[in-house]
Structure formats: C-alpha cells, structure tokens
Amino acid sequence: MTEVSREHGSSKGRYVIRKNGEEAELTYSITSPALVIADHTGVPDSFRGTGAGLAMLTQFVADARAEGFKIMPLCPFVNATRKKHPEWADVFAV
C-alpha cells in the first residue's frame, strides 16, 4: 500500500493515500487541541481489500498518541474498527 500522508489545517484535516490517480481519505474536524472528530472514511473500489482504511486509521491513532488528543469516532468505519482494537482505547473519547 502507498504511503499515508496528512493534510492538516486549523479546523479540518485528512489522511490520504494516493494511487494511480485515485485517493482514499479519512477526514477529521478539530474541535480543540484535546479532541478531534473522525468524520468520514472514503475508499474507492479499486482500493478495497488493500488495508487502506486501516492504514489511515492506524496513522491517526499514532498521531493522537504523539500529539495528545482524543478521537471522537463519528465515522462508522472508525467506530467499528476501534472496537476491534482494544489496544487503541486510550485515544478514543467514547
């Protein structure tokens, strides 16, 4: 899988994987320095089964730990996946 990049603004951001002219993304909204909302994960059909969504979420979790914020999992994919990874419980605000 291609490298995950992060585009981070003052109130919104996203994790992106680009391949063959297509993008997979996990978008987020920054509510405060301590809380970031996972809004949406979009993966094109050509990326399905490649682990793109998990790769972006894994990077999001790593950044949350490194930067000291919690993730509010409003995105259904993020919420479902975090339940499969109890080792991530420290970074989720639920």
PDB file of N, CA and C in Angstrom:
ATOM      1  N   MET A   1       0.857  -1.186   0.000  1.00  0.00           N
ATOM      2  CA  MET A   1       0.000   0.000   0.000  1.00  0.00           C
ATOM      3  C   MET A   1       0.891   1.234   0.000  1.00  0.00           C
ATOM      4  N   THR A   2       0.394   2.251  -0.641  1.00  0.00           N
ATOM      5  CA  THR A   2       1.114   3.504  -0.760  1.00  0.00           C
ATOM      6  C   THR A   2       1.126   4.249   0.577  1.00  0.00           C
ATOM      7  N   GLU A   3       2.055   5.128   0.735  1.00  0.00           N
ATOM      8  CA  GLU A   3       2.252   5.891   1.960  1.00  0.00           C
ATOM      9  C   GLU A   3       1.038   6.745   2.320  1.00  0.00           C
ATOM     10  N   VAL A   4       0.768   6.839   3.613  1.00  0.00           N
ATOM     11  CA  VAL A   4      -0.293   7.694   4.137  1.00  0.00           C
ATOM     12  C   VAL A   4       0.289   9.082   4.345  1.00  0.00           C
ATOM     13  N   SER A   5      -0.364  10.101   3.778  1.00  0.00           N
ATOM     14  CA  SER A   5       0.051  11.475   4.030  1.00  0.00           C
ATOM     15  C   SER A   5      -1.046  12.184   4.816  1.00  0.00           C
ATOM     16  N   ARG A   6      -0.668  13.272   5.468  1.00  0.00           N
ATOM     17  CA  ARG A   6      -1.608  14.024   6.302  1.00  0.00           C
ATOM     18  C   ARG A   6      -1.659  15.459   5.818  1.00  0.00           C
ATOM     19  N   GLU A   7      -2.876  15.948   5.650  1.00  0.00           N
ATOM     20  CA  GLU A   7      -3.113  17.350   5.318  1.00  0.00           C
ATOM     21  C   GLU A   7      -3.848  17.937   6.510  1.00  0.00           C
ATOM     22  N   HIS A   8      -3.184  18.836   7.218  1.00  0.00           N
ATOM     23  CA  HIS A   8      -3.698  19.330   8.497  1.00  0.00           C
ATOM     24  C   HIS A   8      -3.894  20.838   8.440  1.00  0.00           C
ATOM     25  N   GLY A   9      -5.131  21.281   8.664  1.00  0.00           N
ATOM     26  CA  GLY A   9      -5.428  22.712   8.690  1.00  0.00           C
ATOM     27  C   GLY A   9      -5.756  23.158  10.101  1.00  0.00           C
ATOM     28  N   SER A  10      -6.286  24.369  10.223  1.00  0.00           N
ATOM     29  CA  SER A  10      -6.590  24.902  11.548  1.00  0.00           C
ATOM     30  C   SER A  10      -7.868  24.314  12.147  1.00  0.00           C
ATOM     31  N   SER A  11      -8.812  23.897  11.299  1.00  0.00           N
ATOM     32  CA  SER A  11     -10.062  23.335  11.826  1.00  0.00           C
ATOM     33  C   SER A  11     -10.422  21.981  11.231  1.00  0.00           C
ATOM     34  N   LYS A  12      -9.771  21.594  10.152  1.00  0.00           N
ATOM     35  CA  LYS A  12     -10.056  20.319   9.498  1.00  0.00           C
ATOM     36  C   LYS A  12      -8.775  19.716   8.967  1.00  0.00           C
ATOM     37  N   GLY A  13      -8.850  18.450   8.633  1.00  0.00           N
ATOM     38  CA  GLY A  13      -7.709  17.782   8.041  1.00  0.00           C
ATOM     39  C   GLY A  13      -8.119  16.447   7.478  1.00  0.00           C
ATOM     40  N   ARG A  14      -7.125  15.739   6.911  1.00  0.00           N
ATOM     41  CA  ARG A  14      -7.411  14.415   6.395  1.00  0.00           C
ATOM     42  C   ARG A  14      -6.121  13.618   6.231  1.00  0.00           C
ATOM     43  N   TYR A  15      -6.302  12.322   6.262  1.00  0.00           N
ATOM     44  CA  TYR A  15      -5.247  11.377   5.922  1.00  0.00           C
ATOM     45  C   TYR A  15      -5.582  10.885   4.529  1.00  0.00           C
ATOM     46  N   VAL A  16      -4.562  10.758   3.691  1.00  0.00           N
ATOM     47  CA  VAL A  16      -4.792  10.432   2.286  1.00  0.00           C
ATOM     48  C   VAL A  16      -3.796   9.369   1.822  1.00  0.00           C
ATOM     49  N   ILE A  17      -4.302   8.457   1.004  1.00  0.00           N
ATOM     50  CA  ILE A  17      -3.452   7.532   0.260  1.00  0.00           C
ATOM     51  C   ILE A  17      -3.790   7.742  -1.202  1.00  0.00           C
ATOM     52  N   ARG A  18      -2.778   8.022  -1.992  1.00  0.00           N
ATOM     53  CA  ARG A  18      -2.959   8.247  -3.426  1.00  0.00           C
ATOM     54  C   ARG A  18      -2.304   7.116  -4.209  1.00  0.00           C
ATOM     55  N   LYS A  19      -3.040   6.615  -5.197  1.00  0.00           N
ATOM     56  CA  LYS A  19      -2.501   5.550  -6.040  1.00  0.00           C
ATOM     57  C   LYS A  19      -3.221   5.559  -7.382  1.00  0.00           C
ATOM     58  N   ASN A  20      -2.439   5.556  -8.447  1.00  0.00           N
ATOM     59  CA  ASN A  20      -2.986   5.505  -9.805  1.00  0.00           C
ATOM     60  C   ASN A  20      -4.047   6.575 -10.055  1.00  0.00           C
ATOM     61  N   GLY A  21      -3.810   7.782  -9.557  1.00  0.00           N
ATOM     62  CA  GLY A  21      -4.729   8.891  -9.783  1.00  0.00           C
ATOM     63  C   GLY A  21      -5.972   8.893  -8.913  1.00  0.00           C
ATOM     64  N   GLU A  22      -6.075   7.967  -7.968  1.00  0.00           N
ATOM     65  CA  GLU A  22      -7.234   7.919  -7.071  1.00  0.00           C
ATOM     66  C   GLU A  22      -6.788   8.192  -5.638  1.00  0.00           C
ATOM     67  N   GLU A  23      -7.748   8.553  -4.805  1.00  0.00           N
ATOM     68  CA  GLU A  23      -7.466   8.863  -3.404  1.00  0.00           C
ATOM     69  C   GLU A  23      -8.408   8.114  -2.468  1.00  0.00           C
ATOM     70  N   ALA A  24      -7.842   7.614  -1.388  1.00  0.00           N
ATOM     71  CA  ALA A  24      -8.611   7.156  -0.235  1.00  0.00           C
ATOM     72  C   ALA A  24      -8.377   8.222   0.825  1.00  0.00           C
ATOM     73  N   GLU A  25      -9.400   8.539   1.620  1.00  0.00           N
ATOM     74  CA  GLU A  25      -9.221   9.571   2.643  1.00  0.00           C
ATOM     75  C   GLU A  25      -9.981   9.253   3.906  1.00  0.00           C
ATOM     76  N   LEU A  26      -9.444   9.755   5.008  1.00  0.00           N
ATOM     77  CA  LEU A  26     -10.100   9.747   6.302  1.00  0.00           C
ATOM     78  C   LEU A  26     -10.089  11.201   6.753  1.00  0.00           C
ATOM     79  N   THR A  27     -11.263  11.817   6.832  1.00  0.00           N
ATOM     80  CA  THR A  27     -11.334  13.236   7.173  1.00  0.00           C
ATOM     81  C   THR A  27     -11.644  13.424   8.658  1.00  0.00           C
ATOM     82  N   TYR A  28     -11.192  14.575   9.177  1.00  0.00           N
ATOM     83  CA  TYR A  28     -11.436  14.883  10.578  1.00  0.00           C
ATOM     84  C   TYR A  28     -11.667  16.375  10.780  1.00  0.00           C
ATOM     85  N   SER A  29     -12.333  16.681  11.900  1.00  0.00           N
ATOM     86  CA  SER A  29     -12.584  18.070  12.322  1.00  0.00           C
ATOM     87  C   SER A  29     -11.953  18.266  13.687  1.00  0.00           C
ATOM     88  N   ILE A  30     -11.285  19.401  13.850  1.00  0.00           N
ATOM     89  CA  ILE A  30     -10.600  19.712  15.096  1.00  0.00           C
ATOM     90  C   ILE A  30     -11.528  20.571  15.950  1.00  0.00           C
ATOM     91  N   THR A  31     -11.962  20.042  17.088  1.00  0.00           N
ATOM     92  CA  THR A  31     -12.848  20.808  17.964  1.00  0.00           C
ATOM     93  C   THR A  31     -12.053  21.585  19.011  1.00  0.00           C
ATOM     94  N   SER A  32     -10.896  21.013  19.414  1.00  0.00           N
ATOM     95  CA  SER A  32      -9.998  21.657  20.376  1.00  0.00           C
ATOM     96  C   SER A  32      -8.652  20.940  20.264  1.00  0.00           C
ATOM     97  N   PRO A  33      -7.628  21.470  20.910  1.00  0.00           N
ATOM     98  CA  PRO A  33      -6.343  20.748  20.875  1.00  0.00           C
ATOM     99  C   PRO A  33      -6.433  19.346  21.498  1.00  0.00           C
ATOM    100  N   ALA A  34      -7.465  19.124  22.310  1.00  0.00           N
ATOM    101  CA  ALA A  34      -7.597  17.844  23.006  1.00  0.00           C
ATOM    102  C   ALA A  34      -8.593  16.883  22.358  1.00  0.00           C
ATOM    103  N   LEU A  35      -9.385  17.350  21.382  1.00  0.00           N
ATOM    104  CA  LEU A  35     -10.427  16.496  20.796  1.00  0.00           C
ATOM    105  C   LEU A  35     -10.540  16.715  19.293  1.00  0.00           C
ATOM    106  N   VAL A  36     -10.449  15.615  18.553  1.00  0.00           N
ATOM    107  CA  VAL A  36     -10.576  15.627  17.093  1.00  0.00           C
ATOM    108  C   VAL A  36     -11.646  14.614  16.711  1.00  0.00           C
ATOM    109  N   ILE A  37     -12.551  15.012  15.827  1.00  0.00           N
ATOM    110  CA  ILE A  37     -13.650  14.153  15.404  1.00  0.00           C
ATOM    111  C   ILE A  37     -13.290  13.477  14.086  1.00  0.00           C
ATOM    112  N   ALA A  38     -13.360  12.142  14.069  1.00  0.00           N
ATOM    113  CA  ALA A  38     -13.201  11.382  12.823  1.00  0.00           C
ATOM    114  C   ALA A  38     -14.542  11.463  12.093  1.00  0.00           C
ATOM    115  N   ASP A  39     -14.559  12.191  10.960  1.00  0.00           N
ATOM    116  CA  ASP A  39     -15.808  12.462  10.252  1.00  0.00           C
ATOM    117  C   ASP A  39     -16.202  11.379   9.253  1.00  0.00           C
ATOM    118  N   HIS A  40     -15.268  10.999   8.394  1.00  0.00           N
ATOM    119  CA  HIS A  40     -15.631  10.178   7.235  1.00  0.00           C
ATOM    120  C   HIS A  40     -14.408   9.439   6.706  1.00  0.00           C
ATOM    121  N   THR A  41     -14.620   8.215   6.280  1.00  0.00           N
ATOM    122  CA  THR A  41     -13.586   7.467   5.571  1.00  0.00           C
ATOM    123  C   THR A  41     -14.150   7.088   4.215  1.00  0.00           C
ATOM    124  N   GLY A  42     -13.434   7.450   3.175  1.00  0.00           N
ATOM    125  CA  GLY A  42     -13.847   7.132   1.814  1.00  0.00           C
ATOM    126  C   GLY A  42     -12.733   6.382   1.105  1.00  0.00           C
ATOM    127  N   VAL A  43     -13.059   5.198   0.607  1.00  0.00           N
ATOM    128  CA  VAL A  43     -12.070   4.367  -0.086  1.00  0.00           C
ATOM    129  C   VAL A  43     -12.664   3.955  -1.432  1.00  0.00           C
ATOM    130  N   PRO A  44     -11.990   4.295  -2.536  1.00  0.00           N
ATOM    131  CA  PRO A  44     -12.508   3.894  -3.840  1.00  0.00           C
ATOM    132  C   PRO A  44     -12.513   2.369  -3.995  1.00  0.00           C
ATOM    133  N   ASP A  45     -13.373   1.875  -4.864  1.00  0.00           N
ATOM    134  CA  ASP A  45     -13.484   0.431  -5.077  1.00  0.00           C
ATOM    135  C   ASP A  45     -12.141  -0.201  -5.414  1.00  0.00           C
ATOM    136  N   SER A  46     -11.314   0.512  -6.149  1.00  0.00           N
ATOM    137  CA  SER A  46     -10.015  -0.045  -6.552  1.00  0.00           C
ATOM    138  C   SER A  46      -9.071  -0.269  -5.373  1.00  0.00           C
ATOM    139  N   PHE A  47      -9.356   0.368  -4.230  1.00  0.00           N
ATOM    140  CA  PHE A  47      -8.530   0.217  -3.030  1.00  0.00           C
ATOM    141  C   PHE A  47      -9.083  -0.849  -2.083  1.00  0.00           C
ATOM    142  N   ARG A  48     -10.290  -1.307  -2.311  1.00  0.00           N
ATOM    143  CA  ARG A  48     -10.939  -2.222  -1.373  1.00  0.00           C
ATOM    144  C   ARG A  48     -10.104  -3.480  -1.189  1.00  0.00           C
ATOM    145  N   GLY A  49      -9.995  -3.911   0.067  1.00  0.00           N
ATOM    146  CA  GLY A  49      -9.239  -5.102   0.385  1.00  0.00           C
ATOM    147  C   GLY A  49      -7.741  -4.882   0.494  1.00  0.00           C
ATOM    148  N   THR A  50      -7.293  -3.648   0.361  1.00  0.00           N
ATOM    149  CA  THR A  50      -5.856  -3.368   0.415  1.00  0.00           C
ATOM    150  C   THR A  50      -5.399  -2.918   1.799  1.00  0.00           C
ATOM    151  N   GLY A  51      -6.326  -2.690   2.704  1.00  0.00           N
ATOM    152  CA  GLY A  51      -5.961  -2.204   4.034  1.00  0.00           C
ATOM    153  C   GLY A  51      -5.790  -0.698   4.106  1.00  0.00           C
ATOM    154  N   ALA A  52      -6.260   0.013   3.086  1.00  0.00           N
ATOM    155  CA  ALA A  52      -6.099   1.472   3.041  1.00  0.00           C
ATOM    156  C   ALA A  52      -6.769   2.148   4.237  1.00  0.00           C
ATOM    157  N   GLY A  53      -8.005   1.776   4.523  1.00  0.00           N
ATOM    158  CA  GLY A  53      -8.715   2.394   5.645  1.00  0.00           C
ATOM    159  C   GLY A  53      -7.999   2.149   6.962  1.00  0.00           C
ATOM    160  N   LEU A  54      -7.568   0.920   7.183  1.00  0.00           N
ATOM    161  CA  LEU A  54      -6.859   0.590   8.416  1.00  0.00           C
ATOM    162  C   LEU A  54      -5.523   1.325   8.493  1.00  0.00           C
ATOM    163  N   ALA A  55      -4.825   1.461   7.377  1.00  0.00           N
ATOM    164  CA  ALA A  55      -3.545   2.174   7.370  1.00  0.00           C
ATOM    165  C   ALA A  55      -3.728   3.635   7.774  1.00  0.00           C
ATOM    166  N   MET A  56      -4.775   4.278   7.240  1.00  0.00           N
ATOM    167  CA  MET A  56      -5.023   5.681   7.594  1.00  0.00           C
ATOM    168  C   MET A  56      -5.415   5.808   9.059  1.00  0.00           C
ATOM    169  N   LEU A  57      -6.273   4.909   9.543  1.00  0.00           N
ATOM    170  CA  LEU A  57      -6.701   4.968  10.936  1.00  0.00           C
ATOM    171  C   LEU A  57      -5.535   4.672  11.885  1.00  0.00           C
ATOM    172  N   THR A  58      -4.677   3.746  11.523  1.00  0.00           N
ATOM    173  CA  THR A  58      -3.509   3.442  12.349  1.00  0.00           C
ATOM    174  C   THR A  58      -2.619   4.672  12.490  1.00  0.00           C
ATOM    175  N   GLN A  59      -2.449   5.417  11.412  1.00  0.00           N
ATOM    176  CA  GLN A  59      -1.650   6.649  11.476  1.00  0.00           C
ATOM    177  C   GLN A  59      -2.345   7.700  12.338  1.00  0.00           C
ATOM    178  N   PHE A  60      -3.674   7.794  12.220  1.00  0.00           N
ATOM    179  CA  PHE A  60      -4.467   8.726  13.034  1.00  0.00           C
ATOM    180  C   PHE A  60      -4.264   8.409  14.525  1.00  0.00           C
ATOM    181  N   VAL A  61      -4.344   7.136  14.877  1.00  0.00           N
ATOM    182  CA  VAL A  61      -4.153   6.719  16.271  1.00  0.00           C
ATOM    183  C   VAL A  61      -2.739   7.074  16.743  1.00  0.00           C
ATOM    184  N   ALA A  62      -1.739   6.812  15.912  1.00  0.00           N
ATOM    185  CA  ALA A  62      -0.354   7.142  16.271  1.00  0.00           C
ATOM    186  C   ALA A  62      -0.187   8.645  16.485  1.00  0.00           C
ATOM    187  N   ASP A  63      -0.805   9.446  15.623  1.00  0.00           N
ATOM    188  CA  ASP A  63      -0.713  10.898  15.773  1.00  0.00           C
ATOM    189  C   ASP A  63      -1.441  11.366  17.026  1.00  0.00           C
ATOM    190  N   ALA A  64      -2.572  10.751  17.343  1.00  0.00           N
ATOM    191  CA  ALA A  64      -3.306  11.114  18.563  1.00  0.00           C
ATOM    192  C   ALA A  64      -2.439  10.875  19.795  1.00  0.00           C
ATOM    193  N   ARG A  65      -1.760   9.762  19.821  1.00  0.00           N
ATOM    194  CA  ARG A  65      -0.871   9.470  20.954  1.00  0.00           C
ATOM    195  C   ARG A  65       0.286  10.458  21.010  1.00  0.00           C
ATOM    196  N   ALA A  66       0.899  10.707  19.869  1.00  0.00           N
ATOM    197  CA  ALA A  66       2.073  11.584  19.824  1.00  0.00           C
ATOM    198  C   ALA A  66       1.727  13.027  20.169  1.00  0.00           C
ATOM    199  N   GLU A  67       0.529  13.467  19.763  1.00  0.00           N
ATOM    200  CA  GLU A  67       0.149  14.865  19.939  1.00  0.00           C
ATOM    201  C   GLU A  67      -0.777  15.093  21.130  1.00  0.00           C
ATOM    202  N   GLY A  68      -1.234  14.028  21.777  1.00  0.00           N
ATOM    203  CA  GLY A  68      -2.019  14.152  22.994  1.00  0.00           C
ATOM    204  C   GLY A  68      -3.473  14.538  22.823  1.00  0.00           C
ATOM    205  N   PHE A  69      -4.097  14.134  21.716  1.00  0.00           N
ATOM    206  CA  PHE A  69      -5.532  14.397  21.564  1.00  0.00           C
ATOM    207  C   PHE A  69      -6.319  13.094  21.555  1.00  0.00           C
ATOM    208  N   LYS A  70      -7.618  13.216  21.806  1.00  0.00           N
ATOM    209  CA  LYS A  70      -8.541  12.080  21.758  1.00  0.00           C
ATOM    210  C   LYS A  70      -9.320  12.146  20.453  1.00  0.00           C
ATOM    211  N   ILE A  71      -9.742  10.985  19.975  1.00  0.00           N
ATOM    212  CA  ILE A  71     -10.525  10.876  18.746  1.00  0.00           C
ATOM    213  C   ILE A  71     -11.968  10.541  19.101  1.00  0.00           C
ATOM    214  N   MET A  72     -12.893  11.338  18.598  1.00  0.00           N
ATOM    215  CA  MET A  72     -14.322  11.049  18.709  1.00  0.00           C
ATOM    216  C   MET A  72     -14.716  10.333  17.416  1.00  0.00           C
ATOM    217  N   PRO A  73     -15.100   9.039  17.486  1.00  0.00           N
ATOM    218  CA  PRO A  73     -15.325   8.251  16.273  1.00  0.00           C
ATOM    219  C   PRO A  73     -16.736   8.367  15.697  1.00  0.00           C
ATOM    220  N   LEU A  74     -17.057   9.491  15.076  1.00  0.00           N
ATOM    221  CA  LEU A  74     -18.372   9.629  14.451  1.00  0.00           C
ATOM    222  C   LEU A  74     -18.468   8.848  13.142  1.00  0.00           C
ATOM    223  N   CYS A  75     -17.366   8.651  12.472  1.00  0.00           N
ATOM    224  CA  CYS A  75     -17.338   7.869  11.239  1.00  0.00           C
ATOM    225  C   CYS A  75     -17.640   6.405  11.568  1.00  0.00           C
ATOM    226  N   PRO A  76     -18.601   5.787  10.872  1.00  0.00           N
ATOM    227  CA  PRO A  76     -18.936   4.380  11.156  1.00  0.00           C
ATOM    228  C   PRO A  76     -17.748   3.423  11.004  1.00  0.00           C
ATOM    229  N   PHE A  77     -16.906   3.631  10.006  1.00  0.00           N
ATOM    230  CA  PHE A  77     -15.740   2.763   9.833  1.00  0.00           C
ATOM    231  C   PHE A  77     -14.787   2.890  11.019  1.00  0.00           C
ATOM    232  N   VAL A  78     -14.492   4.111  11.423  1.00  0.00           N
ATOM    233  CA  VAL A  78     -13.582   4.336  12.548  1.00  0.00           C
ATOM    234  C   VAL A  78     -14.160   3.733  13.818  1.00  0.00           C
ATOM    235  N   ASN A  79     -15.449   3.930  14.049  1.00  0.00           N
ATOM    236  CA  ASN A  79     -16.079   3.402  15.256  1.00  0.00           C
ATOM    237  C   ASN A  79     -16.052   1.879  15.268  1.00  0.00           C
ATOM    238  N   ALA A  80     -16.374   1.251  14.154  1.00  0.00           N
ATOM    239  CA  ALA A  80     -16.375  -0.212  14.087  1.00  0.00           C
ATOM    240  C   ALA A  80     -14.965  -0.775  14.239  1.00  0.00           C
ATOM    241  N   THR A  81     -13.992  -0.125  13.620  1.00  0.00           N
ATOM    242  CA  THR A  81     -12.630  -0.635  13.652  1.00  0.00           C
ATOM    243  C   THR A  81     -12.002  -0.473  15.028  1.00  0.00           C
ATOM    244  N   ARG A  82     -12.300   0.625  15.713  1.00  0.00           N
ATOM    245  CA  ARG A  82     -11.719   0.817  17.051  1.00  0.00           C
ATOM    246  C   ARG A  82     -12.195  -0.251  18.021  1.00  0.00           C
ATOM    247  N   LYS A  83     -13.405  -0.768  17.803  1.00  0.00           N
ATOM    248  CA  LYS A  83     -13.927  -1.833  18.671  1.00  0.00           C
ATOM    249  C   LYS A  83     -13.150  -3.132  18.488  1.00  0.00           C
ATOM    250  N   LYS A  84     -12.503  -3.302  17.350  1.00  0.00           N
ATOM    251  CA  LYS A  84     -11.705  -4.498  17.070  1.00  0.00           C
ATOM    252  C   LYS A  84     -10.274  -4.359  17.593  1.00  0.00           C
ATOM    253  N   HIS A  85      -9.944  -3.162  18.086  1.00  0.00           N
ATOM    254  CA  HIS A  85      -8.581  -2.885  18.559  1.00  0.00           C
ATOM    255  C   HIS A  85      -8.622  -2.303  19.981  1.00  0.00           C
ATOM    256  N   PRO A  86      -8.829  -3.137  20.980  1.00  0.00           N
ATOM    257  CA  PRO A  86      -8.902  -2.626  22.356  1.00  0.00           C
ATOM    258  C   PRO A  86      -7.629  -1.917  22.796  1.00  0.00           C
ATOM    259  N   GLU A  87      -6.500  -2.205  22.141  1.00  0.00           N
ATOM    260  CA  GLU A  87      -5.246  -1.536  22.479  1.00  0.00           C
ATOM    261  C   GLU A  87      -5.259  -0.051  22.114  1.00  0.00           C
ATOM    262  N   TRP A  88      -6.267   0.382  21.367  1.00  0.00           N
ATOM    263  CA  TRP A  88      -6.411   1.794  20.989  1.00  0.00           C
ATOM    264  C   TRP A  88      -7.322   2.562  21.953  1.00  0.00           C
ATOM    265  N   ALA A  89      -7.862   1.918  22.952  1.00  0.00           N
ATOM    266  CA  ALA A  89      -8.873   2.549  23.837  1.00  0.00           C
ATOM    267  C   ALA A  89      -8.396   3.858  24.444  1.00  0.00           C
ATOM    268  N   ASP A  90      -7.100   4.007  24.651  1.00  0.00           N
ATOM    269  CA  ASP A  90      -6.564   5.209  25.297  1.00  0.00           C
ATOM    270  C   ASP A  90      -6.728   6.468  24.452  1.00  0.00           C
ATOM    271  N   VAL A  91      -6.941   6.329  23.148  1.00  0.00           N
ATOM    272  CA  VAL A  91      -7.023   7.518  22.298  1.00  0.00           C
ATOM    273  C   VAL A  91      -8.443   7.848  21.847  1.00  0.00           C
ATOM    274  N   PHE A  92      -9.424   7.039  22.258  1.00  0.00           N
ATOM    275  CA  PHE A  92     -10.788   7.304  21.816  1.00  0.00           C
ATOM    276  C   PHE A  92     -11.627   7.902  22.936  1.00  0.00           C
ATOM    277  N   ALA A  93     -12.379   8.942  22.591  1.00  0.00           N
ATOM    278  CA  ALA A  93     -13.299   9.606  23.520  1.00  0.00           C
ATOM    279  C   ALA A  93     -14.692   9.056  23.245  1.00  0.00           C
ATOM    280  N   VAL A  94     -15.061   8.028  23.987  1.00  0.00           N
ATOM    281  CA  VAL A  94     -16.390   7.406  23.789  1.00  0.00           C
ATOM    282  C   VAL A  94     -17.066   7.176  25.112  1.00  0.00           C
TER     283      VAL A  94
END
